[in-house]
Amino acid sequence: MEQPGRPEAVVYLLHFDRPYQGSMRHYVGWTRNLDKRIEQHRAGDAGSATTRRAFEQGIGFVVARTWPATRGLEQRIKKCGIAKYCPLCPRRSAPSSR
């Protein structure tokens, strides 16, 4: 439940334009301010080494999916395999986020 005056947290999935470092093509993060966090990723200023390396290689991305959620969901998605949740990747249906 969202607390008054406190923004809702969001788990977000980034899909990179092309793979880098082997087959890596996704990033999942958690934030309370999605617009600001995406700006940081696009500028190469994010705390994530993954998106910083993609930025340095000129690789762009799109926000492929978001979930109103907690950090626990972020960790579960990472543990299960990020690509399974990406609607832009051709494969079988994405698993439920629950």
Protein backbone atom coordinates (compact mmCIF):
# COMPACT_ATOMS: atom_id res chain seq x y z
CA MET A 1 0.00 0.00 0.00
CA GLU A 2 1.32 3.41 -0.94
CA GLN A 3 1.87 5.78 1.96
CA PRO A 4 0.62 9.38 1.64
CA GLY A 5 3.38 11.69 0.41
CA ARG A 6 5.59 8.76 -0.56
CA PRO A 7 5.86 7.83 -4.27
CA GLU A 8 5.06 4.29 -5.34
CA ALA A 9 8.06 2.10 -6.06
CA VAL A 10 8.48 0.57 -9.51
CA VAL A 11 10.42 -2.39 -10.83
CA TYR A 12 11.43 -1.75 -14.45
CA LEU A 13 12.88 -3.88 -17.23
CA LEU A 14 15.19 -2.34 -19.84
CA HIS A 15 15.63 -4.04 -23.21
CA PHE A 16 18.86 -3.06 -24.99
CA ASP A 17 18.98 -2.42 -28.75
CA ARG A 18 21.57 -5.14 -29.18
CA PRO A 19 23.35 -7.63 -26.94
CA TYR A 20 26.62 -6.73 -25.28
CA GLN A 21 29.07 -8.71 -23.18
CA GLY A 22 27.98 -11.93 -24.79
CA SER A 23 24.23 -12.30 -24.91
CA MET A 24 23.35 -9.78 -22.18
CA ARG A 25 20.37 -7.76 -23.38
CA HIS A 26 18.37 -6.74 -20.29
CA TYR A 27 18.54 -4.87 -17.04
CA VAL A 28 16.04 -4.91 -14.17
CA GLY A 29 15.99 -2.19 -11.54
CA TRP A 30 13.89 -0.71 -8.77
CA THR A 31 13.18 2.95 -8.12
CA ARG A 32 10.76 5.40 -6.57
CA ASN A 33 11.22 7.87 -9.45
CA LEU A 34 11.18 6.09 -12.81
CA ASP A 35 11.56 9.18 -15.01
CA LYS A 36 14.63 10.39 -13.12
CA ARG A 37 16.19 6.92 -13.02
CA ILE A 38 15.72 6.40 -16.77
CA GLU A 39 17.31 9.81 -17.43
CA GLN A 40 20.30 8.69 -15.34
CA HIS A 41 20.61 5.47 -17.34
CA ARG A 42 20.38 7.35 -20.66
CA ALA A 43 23.08 9.80 -19.54
CA GLY A 44 25.40 7.04 -18.32
CA ASP A 45 25.12 8.45 -14.79
CA ALA A 46 23.23 5.55 -13.20
CA GLY A 47 24.83 3.59 -10.42
CA SER A 48 24.49 0.46 -12.55
CA ALA A 49 27.71 -0.78 -14.12
CA THR A 50 25.60 -2.76 -16.60
CA THR A 51 23.82 0.22 -18.11
CA ARG A 52 26.95 2.37 -17.89
CA ARG A 53 28.85 -0.17 -20.03
CA ALA A 54 26.00 -0.27 -22.55
CA PHE A 55 26.00 3.56 -22.66
CA GLU A 56 29.79 3.60 -23.23
CA GLN A 57 29.33 1.20 -26.17
CA GLY A 58 26.61 3.38 -27.72
CA ILE A 59 23.88 0.83 -27.03
CA GLY A 60 20.41 2.28 -26.49
CA PHE A 61 17.45 0.78 -24.70
CA VAL A 62 13.71 0.99 -24.20
CA VAL A 63 11.69 0.51 -21.06
CA ALA A 64 10.01 -2.77 -21.96
CA ARG A 65 7.93 -3.33 -18.86
CA THR A 66 7.18 -1.96 -15.39
CA TRP A 67 5.54 -3.31 -12.27
CA PRO A 68 4.40 -1.39 -9.18
CA ALA A 69 6.33 -3.45 -6.67
CA THR A 70 8.96 -3.95 -4.04
CA ARG A 71 12.64 -4.83 -4.23
CA GLY A 72 11.63 -8.42 -3.54
CA LEU A 73 10.05 -8.66 -6.99
CA GLU A 74 13.20 -7.21 -8.57
CA GLN A 75 15.26 -9.96 -6.96
CA ARG A 76 12.79 -12.71 -7.97
CA ILE A 77 12.87 -11.56 -11.61
CA LYS A 78 16.67 -11.56 -11.62
CA LYS A 79 16.77 -15.01 -10.04
CA CYS A 80 14.28 -16.49 -12.54
CA GLY A 81 15.90 -14.96 -15.63
CA ILE A 82 15.13 -11.46 -16.84
CA ALA A 83 14.54 -12.36 -20.50
CA LYS A 84 11.54 -14.51 -19.50
CA TYR A 85 9.73 -11.32 -18.49
CA CYS A 86 10.59 -9.23 -21.57
CA PRO A 87 7.61 -8.70 -23.90
CA LEU A 88 9.97 -7.62 -26.71
CA CYS A 89 11.86 -10.91 -26.86
CA PRO A 90 10.32 -13.62 -29.03
CA ARG A 91 9.66 -16.65 -26.84
CA ARG A 92 6.94 -18.43 -24.97
CA SER A 93 4.58 -16.45 -22.73
CA ALA A 94 6.06 -14.48 -19.88
CA PRO A 95 5.57 -15.95 -16.41
CA SER A 96 3.31 -14.22 -13.95
CA SER A 97 4.97 -11.66 -11.69
CA ARG A 98 3.23 -13.22 -8.69
